[in-house]
Amino acid sequence: MANPETSGKKLSDLGLRLASALVLGPLVLFITYLGGIAFFALMLLAATLFLWEWFSITGAKHRSVPALIGFASLTGLSVLVYFDLATTGLGLILIAALVVFGANGFSKDGRWAGEGVLYSGLSLFSLLVLREGTVGLLFAFFLLFVVWATDIFAYFTGRALGGPKLWQRVSPKKTWSGAIGGLVFACLFGVGVVHWAGESDLVLWCLLAAMLSVVSQAGDLLESAIKRRFDVKDSSRLIPGHGGIMDRIDGLVAAAIFAVIAGLVSGGTLADPISGFGFG
């Protein structure tokens, strides 16, 4: 028999998650629609909080010189991409990650800090160039809906159907049924967004949605593995019912980085990777 206190807590947490999503979701969509400096500012804030939480999880000092170099590099990257210097911005992040690693004596802790700078920087870079490139607004909305649908429907499908665990050692609550449910609904929502926008090549969009959904779930598992490695439950308590910014955008940043890589492999450029897919 279920414990009433446990059930009540789960319902309370679900209510907080829903309330936070109803506030933050439309706000993110609105700022994404606006684009420009408002979008750059939001992405920089998210990346900075992401790196702050990474340092918290891995035990790095937030106000040390290496940490400040990491935070400054994110700001520099944003400015460079804003002024169409994407390649220089990417180079800045790579150099900053190496400097942070070296400033910590090339130690294991320094490696974790450098990896945090690299991951948050690549995430910020990817989100910015995707929004600024070919069909940027549409692709940004497509990416958001694919990742959100994956997250939401993986949760509810997994709870409804249960079944074998996806990777119990890393994330005990995630199931294969949830992963498949998230994948299916991600394709439906992603294709729905581009169909509503009047795009063709829906099969290609669907395949891309499927790949982004899988990578999004992999990003979620990656963060779970890191938190388990350092015995941390949530990256922070920033967002009521959700935990920290890392807990909310782990799948989004992984999918964004993958989209940039896939676009580059398909013939796109660093400043406009999605042009490689031939959309627009």
C-alpha atoms as a PDB file:
ATOM      1  CA  MET A   1       0.000   0.000   0.000  1.00  0.00           C
ATOM      2  CA  ALA A   2       1.343   3.410  -0.992  1.00  0.00           C
ATOM      3  CA  ASN A   3       2.451   5.720   1.791  1.00  0.00           C
ATOM      4  CA  PRO A   4       0.028   8.722   1.866  1.00  0.00           C
ATOM      5  CA  GLU A   5       2.843  11.080   2.849  1.00  0.00           C
ATOM      6  CA  THR A   6       5.007   9.909  -0.065  1.00  0.00           C
ATOM      7  CA  SER A   7       2.100  10.179  -2.505  1.00  0.00           C
ATOM      8  CA  GLY A   8       1.288  13.661  -1.233  1.00  0.00           C
ATOM      9  CA  LYS A   9       4.898  14.758  -1.645  1.00  0.00           C
ATOM     10  CA  LYS A  10       4.979  13.446  -5.230  1.00  0.00           C
ATOM     11  CA  LEU A  11       1.795  15.345  -6.070  1.00  0.00           C
ATOM     12  CA  SER A  12       3.217  18.482  -4.474  1.00  0.00           C
ATOM     13  CA  ASP A  13       6.456  18.148  -6.473  1.00  0.00           C
ATOM     14  CA  LEU A  14       4.457  17.597  -9.656  1.00  0.00           C
ATOM     15  CA  GLY A  15       2.428  20.726  -8.940  1.00  0.00           C
ATOM     16  CA  LEU A  16       5.611  22.763  -8.463  1.00  0.00           C
ATOM     17  CA  ARG A  17       7.061  21.363 -11.687  1.00  0.00           C
ATOM     18  CA  LEU A  18       3.900  22.243 -13.578  1.00  0.00           C
ATOM     19  CA  ALA A  19       3.697  25.764 -12.136  1.00  0.00           C
ATOM     20  CA  SER A  20       7.352  26.467 -12.934  1.00  0.00           C
ATOM     21  CA  ALA A  21       6.940  25.122 -16.467  1.00  0.00           C
ATOM     22  CA  LEU A  22       3.838  27.248 -17.097  1.00  0.00           C
ATOM     23  CA  VAL A  23       5.804  30.363 -16.120  1.00  0.00           C
ATOM     24  CA  LEU A  24       9.200  29.611 -17.660  1.00  0.00           C
ATOM     25  CA  GLY A  25       8.079  27.838 -20.850  1.00  0.00           C
ATOM     26  CA  PRO A  26       6.165  30.756 -22.431  1.00  0.00           C
ATOM     27  CA  LEU A  27       8.890  33.178 -21.290  1.00  0.00           C
ATOM     28  CA  VAL A  28      11.599  31.150 -23.038  1.00  0.00           C
ATOM     29  CA  LEU A  29       9.476  30.873 -26.194  1.00  0.00           C
ATOM     30  CA  PHE A  30       8.815  34.617 -26.201  1.00  0.00           C
ATOM     31  CA  ILE A  31      12.482  35.541 -25.811  1.00  0.00           C
ATOM     32  CA  THR A  32      13.422  32.971 -28.445  1.00  0.00           C
ATOM     33  CA  TYR A  33      10.887  34.588 -30.765  1.00  0.00           C
ATOM     34  CA  LEU A  34      12.382  38.035 -30.100  1.00  0.00           C
ATOM     35  CA  GLY A  35      15.912  36.821 -30.803  1.00  0.00           C
ATOM     36  CA  GLY A  36      18.677  39.410 -30.874  1.00  0.00           C
ATOM     37  CA  ILE A  37      20.237  40.717 -27.690  1.00  0.00           C
ATOM     38  CA  ALA A  38      17.403  39.443 -25.480  1.00  0.00           C
ATOM     39  CA  PHE A  39      18.015  35.879 -26.628  1.00  0.00           C
ATOM     40  CA  PHE A  40      21.786  36.248 -26.281  1.00  0.00           C
ATOM     41  CA  ALA A  41      21.345  37.566 -22.737  1.00  0.00           C
ATOM     42  CA  LEU A  42      19.062  34.666 -21.771  1.00  0.00           C
ATOM     43  CA  MET A  43      21.425  32.061 -23.211  1.00  0.00           C
ATOM     44  CA  LEU A  44      24.440  33.676 -21.510  1.00  0.00           C
ATOM     45  CA  LEU A  45      22.589  33.659 -18.188  1.00  0.00           C
ATOM     46  CA  ALA A  46      21.644  30.002 -18.628  1.00  0.00           C
ATOM     47  CA  ALA A  47      25.207  28.999 -19.589  1.00  0.00           C
ATOM     48  CA  THR A  48      26.693  30.926 -16.657  1.00  0.00           C
ATOM     49  CA  LEU A  49      24.316  29.250 -14.198  1.00  0.00           C
ATOM     50  CA  PHE A  50      25.077  25.907 -15.875  1.00  0.00           C
ATOM     51  CA  LEU A  51      28.799  26.390 -15.294  1.00  0.00           C
ATOM     52  CA  TRP A  52      28.215  27.636 -11.731  1.00  0.00           C
ATOM     53  CA  GLU A  53      26.260  24.460 -10.944  1.00  0.00           C
ATOM     54  CA  TRP A  54      28.903  22.305 -12.647  1.00  0.00           C
ATOM     55  CA  PHE A  55      31.511  23.841 -10.353  1.00  0.00           C
ATOM     56  CA  SER A  56      29.214  23.228  -7.354  1.00  0.00           C
ATOM     57  CA  ILE A  57      28.747  19.562  -8.236  1.00  0.00           C
ATOM     58  CA  THR A  58      32.420  18.878  -8.941  1.00  0.00           C
ATOM     59  CA  GLY A  59      33.700  20.870  -5.953  1.00  0.00           C
ATOM     60  CA  ALA A  60      35.463  23.691  -7.810  1.00  0.00           C
ATOM     61  CA  LYS A  61      35.763  27.105  -6.148  1.00  0.00           C
ATOM     62  CA  HIS A  62      33.399  29.596  -7.790  1.00  0.00           C
ATOM     63  CA  ARG A  63      35.520  32.660  -7.052  1.00  0.00           C
ATOM     64  CA  SER A  64      38.917  31.249  -7.965  1.00  0.00           C
ATOM     65  CA  VAL A  65      40.884  32.712 -10.853  1.00  0.00           C
ATOM     66  CA  PRO A  66      40.286  29.648 -13.097  1.00  0.00           C
ATOM     67  CA  ALA A  67      36.542  29.819 -12.420  1.00  0.00           C
ATOM     68  CA  LEU A  68      36.438  33.531 -13.222  1.00  0.00           C
ATOM     69  CA  ILE A  69      38.292  32.814 -16.461  1.00  0.00           C
ATOM     70  CA  GLY A  70      35.582  30.293 -17.313  1.00  0.00           C
ATOM     71  CA  PHE A  71      32.747  32.725 -16.614  1.00  0.00           C
ATOM     72  CA  ALA A  72      34.491  35.525 -18.533  1.00  0.00           C
ATOM     73  CA  SER A  73      35.002  33.246 -21.540  1.00  0.00           C
ATOM     74  CA  LEU A  74      31.247  32.677 -21.800  1.00  0.00           C
ATOM     75  CA  THR A  75      30.649  36.421 -21.939  1.00  0.00           C
ATOM     76  CA  GLY A  76      33.410  36.811 -24.519  1.00  0.00           C
ATOM     77  CA  LEU A  77      31.929  34.024 -26.613  1.00  0.00           C
ATOM     78  CA  SER A  78      28.506  35.690 -26.604  1.00  0.00           C
ATOM     79  CA  VAL A  79      29.948  39.028 -27.716  1.00  0.00           C
ATOM     80  CA  LEU A  80      31.992  37.442 -30.496  1.00  0.00           C
ATOM     81  CA  VAL A  81      29.076  35.409 -31.874  1.00  0.00           C
ATOM     82  CA  TYR A  82      26.833  38.485 -31.686  1.00  0.00           C
ATOM     83  CA  PHE A  83      29.308  40.334 -33.927  1.00  0.00           C
ATOM     84  CA  ASP A  84      29.528  37.409 -36.383  1.00  0.00           C
ATOM     85  CA  LEU A  85      32.844  36.096 -35.108  1.00  0.00           C
ATOM     86  CA  ALA A  86      31.653  32.579 -34.325  1.00  0.00           C
ATOM     87  CA  THR A  87      34.935  30.843 -35.166  1.00  0.00           C
ATOM     88  CA  THR A  88      36.906  33.201 -32.921  1.00  0.00           C
ATOM     89  CA  GLY A  89      34.375  32.670 -30.157  1.00  0.00           C
ATOM     90  CA  LEU A  90      34.729  28.904 -30.385  1.00  0.00           C
ATOM     91  CA  GLY A  91      38.507  29.245 -30.277  1.00  0.00           C
ATOM     92  CA  LEU A  92      38.188  31.387 -27.135  1.00  0.00           C
ATOM     93  CA  ILE A  93      36.258  28.631 -25.353  1.00  0.00           C
ATOM     94  CA  LEU A  94      38.802  25.978 -26.316  1.00  0.00           C
ATOM     95  CA  ILE A  95      41.675  28.135 -25.051  1.00  0.00           C
ATOM     96  CA  ALA A  96      39.803  28.999 -21.828  1.00  0.00           C
ATOM     97  CA  ALA A  97      39.136  25.327 -21.089  1.00  0.00           C
ATOM     98  CA  LEU A  98      42.833  24.524 -21.491  1.00  0.00           C
ATOM     99  CA  VAL A  99      43.847  27.506 -19.352  1.00  0.00           C
ATOM    100  CA  VAL A 100      41.454  26.457 -16.576  1.00  0.00           C
ATOM    101  CA  PHE A 101      42.802  22.904 -16.739  1.00  0.00           C
ATOM    102  CA  GLY A 102      46.390  24.155 -16.585  1.00  0.00           C
ATOM    103  CA  ALA A 103      45.709  26.712 -13.860  1.00  0.00           C
ATOM    104  CA  ASN A 104      44.576  23.833 -11.676  1.00  0.00           C
ATOM    105  CA  GLY A 105      47.844  22.035 -12.210  1.00  0.00           C
ATOM    106  CA  PHE A 106      46.490  19.607 -14.823  1.00  0.00           C
ATOM    107  CA  SER A 107      44.942  17.697 -11.918  1.00  0.00           C
ATOM    108  CA  LYS A 108      41.772  15.579 -11.904  1.00  0.00           C
ATOM    109  CA  ASP A 109      39.867  18.495 -10.341  1.00  0.00           C
ATOM    110  CA  GLY A 110      41.315  20.775 -12.995  1.00  0.00           C
ATOM    111  CA  ARG A 111      40.148  18.400 -15.702  1.00  0.00           C
ATOM    112  CA  TRP A 112      36.598  18.494 -14.355  1.00  0.00           C
ATOM    113  CA  ALA A 113      36.712  22.301 -14.227  1.00  0.00           C
ATOM    114  CA  GLY A 114      38.085  22.531 -17.763  1.00  0.00           C
ATOM    115  CA  GLU A 115      35.449  20.112 -19.020  1.00  0.00           C
ATOM    116  CA  GLY A 116      32.772  22.269 -17.406  1.00  0.00           C
ATOM    117  CA  VAL A 117      34.024  25.350 -19.242  1.00  0.00           C
ATOM    118  CA  LEU A 118      34.188  23.407 -22.502  1.00  0.00           C
ATOM    119  CA  TYR A 119      30.719  21.847 -22.141  1.00  0.00           C
ATOM    120  CA  SER A 120      28.971  25.056 -21.084  1.00  0.00           C
ATOM    121  CA  GLY A 121      30.810  26.986 -23.796  1.00  0.00           C
ATOM    122  CA  LEU A 122      29.921  24.518 -26.548  1.00  0.00           C
ATOM    123  CA  SER A 123      26.324  24.556 -25.307  1.00  0.00           C
ATOM    124  CA  LEU A 124      26.151  28.346 -25.435  1.00  0.00           C
ATOM    125  CA  PHE A 125      27.860  28.469 -28.826  1.00  0.00           C
ATOM    126  CA  SER A 126      25.470  25.886 -30.290  1.00  0.00           C
ATOM    127  CA  LEU A 127      22.289  27.539 -29.015  1.00  0.00           C
ATOM    128  CA  LEU A 128      23.400  30.939 -30.319  1.00  0.00           C
ATOM    129  CA  VAL A 129      24.474  29.897 -33.816  1.00  0.00           C
ATOM    130  CA  LEU A 130      21.383  27.713 -34.276  1.00  0.00           C
ATOM    131  CA  ARG A 131      19.096  30.665 -33.534  1.00  0.00           C
ATOM    132  CA  GLU A 132      21.102  33.028 -35.728  1.00  0.00           C
ATOM    133  CA  GLY A 133      21.440  30.744 -38.746  1.00  0.00           C
ATOM    134  CA  THR A 134      19.261  29.420 -41.553  1.00  0.00           C
ATOM    135  CA  VAL A 135      15.593  29.086 -40.503  1.00  0.00           C
ATOM    136  CA  GLY A 136      16.937  30.046 -37.082  1.00  0.00           C
ATOM    137  CA  LEU A 137      13.646  30.887 -35.404  1.00  0.00           C
ATOM    138  CA  LEU A 138      11.920  27.772 -36.726  1.00  0.00           C
ATOM    139  CA  PHE A 139      14.822  25.519 -35.804  1.00  0.00           C
ATOM    140  CA  ALA A 140      15.024  26.977 -32.303  1.00  0.00           C
ATOM    141  CA  PHE A 141      11.305  26.327 -31.764  1.00  0.00           C
ATOM    142  CA  PHE A 142      11.659  22.858 -33.306  1.00  0.00           C
ATOM    143  CA  LEU A 143      14.545  22.038 -30.968  1.00  0.00           C
ATOM    144  CA  LEU A 144      12.706  23.283 -27.887  1.00  0.00           C
ATOM    145  CA  PHE A 145       9.527  21.348 -28.641  1.00  0.00           C
ATOM    146  CA  VAL A 146      11.431  18.165 -29.463  1.00  0.00           C
ATOM    147  CA  VAL A 147      13.393  18.300 -26.208  1.00  0.00           C
ATOM    148  CA  TRP A 148      10.403  19.327 -24.092  1.00  0.00           C
ATOM    149  CA  ALA A 149       8.184  16.612 -25.615  1.00  0.00           C
ATOM    150  CA  THR A 150      10.922  14.059 -24.992  1.00  0.00           C
ATOM    151  CA  ASP A 151      11.236  15.082 -21.354  1.00  0.00           C
ATOM    152  CA  ILE A 152       7.514  15.363 -20.588  1.00  0.00           C
ATOM    153  CA  PHE A 153       6.292  12.238 -22.350  1.00  0.00           C
ATOM    154  CA  ALA A 154       9.215  10.094 -21.249  1.00  0.00           C
ATOM    155  CA  TYR A 155       8.207  10.945 -17.683  1.00  0.00           C
ATOM    156  CA  PHE A 156       4.496  10.219 -18.063  1.00  0.00           C
ATOM    157  CA  THR A 157       4.871   7.204 -20.373  1.00  0.00           C
ATOM    158  CA  GLY A 158       7.417   5.667 -18.044  1.00  0.00           C
ATOM    159  CA  ARG A 159       5.181   6.183 -15.026  1.00  0.00           C
ATOM    160  CA  ALA A 160       2.156   4.755 -16.852  1.00  0.00           C
ATOM    161  CA  LEU A 161       3.775   1.711 -18.450  1.00  0.00           C
ATOM    162  CA  GLY A 162       6.800   0.972 -16.281  1.00  0.00           C
ATOM    163  CA  GLY A 163       8.864  -1.986 -17.437  1.00  0.00           C
ATOM    164  CA  PRO A 164      12.617  -2.604 -17.799  1.00  0.00           C
ATOM    165  CA  LYS A 165      14.958   0.132 -16.624  1.00  0.00           C
ATOM    166  CA  LEU A 166      16.895   2.158 -19.181  1.00  0.00           C
ATOM    167  CA  TRP A 167      20.089   2.356 -17.125  1.00  0.00           C
ATOM    168  CA  GLN A 168      19.317   1.552 -13.517  1.00  0.00           C
ATOM    169  CA  ARG A 169      22.805   2.144 -12.140  1.00  0.00           C
ATOM    170  CA  VAL A 170      22.795   5.754 -13.362  1.00  0.00           C
ATOM    171  CA  SER A 171      19.115   6.713 -13.284  1.00  0.00           C
ATOM    172  CA  PRO A 172      16.926   4.156 -11.471  1.00  0.00           C
ATOM    173  CA  LYS A 173      13.580   5.716 -12.419  1.00  0.00           C
ATOM    174  CA  LYS A 174      14.034   5.897 -16.200  1.00  0.00           C
ATOM    175  CA  THR A 175      12.526   3.064 -18.258  1.00  0.00           C
ATOM    176  CA  TRP A 176      12.723   1.872 -21.851  1.00  0.00           C
ATOM    177  CA  SER A 177       8.984   2.512 -22.206  1.00  0.00           C
ATOM    178  CA  GLY A 178       9.531   6.120 -21.157  1.00  0.00           C
ATOM    179  CA  ALA A 179      12.436   6.542 -23.563  1.00  0.00           C
ATOM    180  CA  ILE A 180      10.404   5.182 -26.477  1.00  0.00           C
ATOM    181  CA  GLY A 181       7.351   7.239 -25.503  1.00  0.00           C
ATOM    182  CA  GLY A 182       9.483  10.382 -25.369  1.00  0.00           C
ATOM    183  CA  LEU A 183      10.965   9.559 -28.771  1.00  0.00           C
ATOM    184  CA  VAL A 184       7.573   9.029 -30.424  1.00  0.00           C
ATOM    185  CA  PHE A 185       6.040  12.221 -29.059  1.00  0.00           C
ATOM    186  CA  ALA A 186       9.189  14.210 -29.859  1.00  0.00           C
ATOM    187  CA  CYS A 187       8.778  13.226 -33.519  1.00  0.00           C
ATOM    188  CA  LEU A 188       5.070  14.121 -33.457  1.00  0.00           C
ATOM    189  CA  PHE A 189       5.618  17.526 -31.868  1.00  0.00           C
ATOM    190  CA  GLY A 190       8.702  18.313 -33.943  1.00  0.00           C
ATOM    191  CA  VAL A 191       6.991  17.489 -37.237  1.00  0.00           C
ATOM    192  CA  GLY A 192       3.898  19.338 -36.037  1.00  0.00           C
ATOM    193  CA  VAL A 193       5.908  22.522 -35.485  1.00  0.00           C
ATOM    194  CA  VAL A 194       7.557  22.503 -38.915  1.00  0.00           C
ATOM    195  CA  HIS A 195       4.343  21.440 -40.680  1.00  0.00           C
ATOM    196  CA  TRP A 196       2.511  24.361 -39.052  1.00  0.00           C
ATOM    197  CA  ALA A 197       5.300  26.645 -40.305  1.00  0.00           C
ATOM    198  CA  GLY A 198       4.752  25.401 -43.864  1.00  0.00           C
ATOM    199  CA  GLU A 199       7.972  23.428 -44.213  1.00  0.00           C
ATOM    200  CA  SER A 200       8.354  20.456 -46.551  1.00  0.00           C
ATOM    201  CA  ASP A 201      10.777  17.516 -46.217  1.00  0.00           C
ATOM    202  CA  LEU A 202       8.820  16.289 -43.193  1.00  0.00           C
ATOM    203  CA  VAL A 203      10.538  12.903 -43.304  1.00  0.00           C
ATOM    204  CA  LEU A 204      13.932  14.580 -42.879  1.00  0.00           C
ATOM    205  CA  TRP A 205      12.583  16.721 -40.061  1.00  0.00           C
ATOM    206  CA  CYS A 206      11.150  13.594 -38.403  1.00  0.00           C
ATOM    207  CA  LEU A 207      14.472  11.755 -38.624  1.00  0.00           C
ATOM    208  CA  LEU A 208      16.221  14.777 -37.153  1.00  0.00           C
ATOM    209  CA  ALA A 209      13.653  14.956 -34.341  1.00  0.00           C
ATOM    210  CA  ALA A 210      14.258  11.280 -33.568  1.00  0.00           C
ATOM    211  CA  MET A 211      18.028  11.752 -33.395  1.00  0.00           C
ATOM    212  CA  LEU A 212      17.716  14.886 -31.263  1.00  0.00           C
ATOM    213  CA  SER A 213      15.357  13.068 -28.905  1.00  0.00           C
ATOM    214  CA  VAL A 214      17.820  10.201 -28.430  1.00  0.00           C
ATOM    215  CA  VAL A 215      20.709  12.629 -27.844  1.00  0.00           C
ATOM    216  CA  SER A 216      18.558  14.673 -25.467  1.00  0.00           C
ATOM    217  CA  GLN A 217      17.932  11.579 -23.352  1.00  0.00           C
ATOM    218  CA  ALA A 218      21.639  10.752 -23.501  1.00  0.00           C
ATOM    219  CA  GLY A 219      22.406  14.248 -22.199  1.00  0.00           C
ATOM    220  CA  ASP A 220      20.009  13.664 -19.334  1.00  0.00           C
ATOM    221  CA  LEU A 221      21.738  10.392 -18.495  1.00  0.00           C
ATOM    222  CA  LEU A 222      25.145  12.076 -18.695  1.00  0.00           C
ATOM    223  CA  GLU A 223      24.143  14.623 -16.088  1.00  0.00           C
ATOM    224  CA  SER A 224      22.678  11.860 -13.905  1.00  0.00           C
ATOM    225  CA  ALA A 225      25.985   9.967 -14.142  1.00  0.00           C
ATOM    226  CA  ILE A 226      27.953  13.068 -13.132  1.00  0.00           C
ATOM    227  CA  LYS A 227      25.658  13.765 -10.160  1.00  0.00           C
ATOM    228  CA  ARG A 228      25.891  10.125  -9.090  1.00  0.00           C
ATOM    229  CA  ARG A 229      29.697  10.299  -9.412  1.00  0.00           C
ATOM    230  CA  PHE A 230      29.733  13.200  -6.940  1.00  0.00           C
ATOM    231  CA  ASP A 231      26.778  11.955  -4.844  1.00  0.00           C
ATOM    232  CA  VAL A 232      24.542  14.944  -5.635  1.00  0.00           C
ATOM    233  CA  LYS A 233      20.754  14.729  -6.061  1.00  0.00           C
ATOM    234  CA  ASP A 234      20.004  18.062  -7.788  1.00  0.00           C
ATOM    235  CA  SER A 235      22.402  20.508  -9.419  1.00  0.00           C
ATOM    236  CA  SER A 236      20.800  23.249  -7.278  1.00  0.00           C
ATOM    237  CA  ARG A 237      17.403  24.394  -5.989  1.00  0.00           C
ATOM    238  CA  LEU A 238      17.088  27.285  -8.407  1.00  0.00           C
ATOM    239  CA  ILE A 239      13.817  26.224 -10.084  1.00  0.00           C
ATOM    240  CA  PRO A 240      10.981  25.073  -7.780  1.00  0.00           C
ATOM    241  CA  GLY A 241      10.108  21.439  -8.437  1.00  0.00           C
ATOM    242  CA  HIS A 242      12.829  21.045 -11.067  1.00  0.00           C
ATOM    243  CA  GLY A 243      16.145  21.459  -9.273  1.00  0.00           C
ATOM    244  CA  GLY A 244      18.797  23.508 -11.027  1.00  0.00           C
ATOM    245  CA  ILE A 245      19.362  24.848 -14.512  1.00  0.00           C
ATOM    246  CA  MET A 246      21.472  21.797 -15.373  1.00  0.00           C
ATOM    247  CA  ASP A 247      18.568  19.554 -14.419  1.00  0.00           C
ATOM    248  CA  ARG A 248      16.343  21.428 -16.891  1.00  0.00           C
ATOM    249  CA  ILE A 249      18.611  21.974 -19.885  1.00  0.00           C
ATOM    250  CA  ASP A 250      20.888  18.917 -19.807  1.00  0.00           C
ATOM    251  CA  GLY A 251      18.979  17.368 -22.713  1.00  0.00           C
ATOM    252  CA  LEU A 252      18.625  20.667 -24.588  1.00  0.00           C
ATOM    253  CA  VAL A 253      22.334  21.473 -24.627  1.00  0.00           C
ATOM    254  CA  ALA A 254      23.301  17.953 -25.686  1.00  0.00           C
ATOM    255  CA  ALA A 255      20.782  18.083 -28.539  1.00  0.00           C
ATOM    256  CA  ALA A 256      21.953  21.558 -29.591  1.00  0.00           C
ATOM    257  CA  ILE A 257      25.591  20.467 -29.736  1.00  0.00           C
ATOM    258  CA  PHE A 258      24.612  17.405 -31.741  1.00  0.00           C
ATOM    259  CA  ALA A 259      22.571  19.529 -34.168  1.00  0.00           C
ATOM    260  CA  VAL A 260      25.597  21.737 -34.815  1.00  0.00           C
ATOM    261  CA  ILE A 261      27.876  18.733 -35.388  1.00  0.00           C
ATOM    262  CA  ALA A 262      25.339  17.086 -37.698  1.00  0.00           C
ATOM    263  CA  GLY A 263      24.945  20.331 -39.633  1.00  0.00           C
ATOM    264  CA  LEU A 264      28.705  20.683 -40.026  1.00  0.00           C
ATOM    265  CA  VAL A 265      29.034  17.092 -41.229  1.00  0.00           C
ATOM    266  CA  SER A 266      26.263  17.816 -43.763  1.00  0.00           C
ATOM    267  CA  GLY A 267      28.172  20.789 -45.179  1.00  0.00           C
ATOM    268  CA  GLY A 268      27.183  23.705 -42.967  1.00  0.00           C
ATOM    269  CA  THR A 269      29.531  26.307 -41.513  1.00  0.00           C
ATOM    270  CA  LEU A 270      30.407  27.158 -37.922  1.00  0.00           C
ATOM    271  CA  ALA A 271      28.415  30.370 -38.198  1.00  0.00           C
ATOM    272  CA  ASP A 272      25.460  28.616 -39.850  1.00  0.00           C
ATOM    273  CA  PRO A 273      25.612  24.852 -39.313  1.00  0.00           C
ATOM    274  CA  ILE A 274      21.950  24.189 -40.155  1.00  0.00           C
ATOM    275  CA  SER A 275      22.524  25.429 -43.699  1.00  0.00           C
ATOM    276  CA  GLY A 276      24.082  22.010 -44.277  1.00  0.00           C
ATOM    277  CA  PHE A 277      20.656  20.347 -44.102  1.00  0.00           C
ATOM    278  CA  GLY A 278      19.335  22.406 -47.015  1.00  0.00           C
ATOM    279  CA  PHE A 279      16.320  23.769 -45.132  1.00  0.00           C
ATOM    280  CA  GLY A 280      14.789  27.091 -46.145  1.00  0.00           C
END
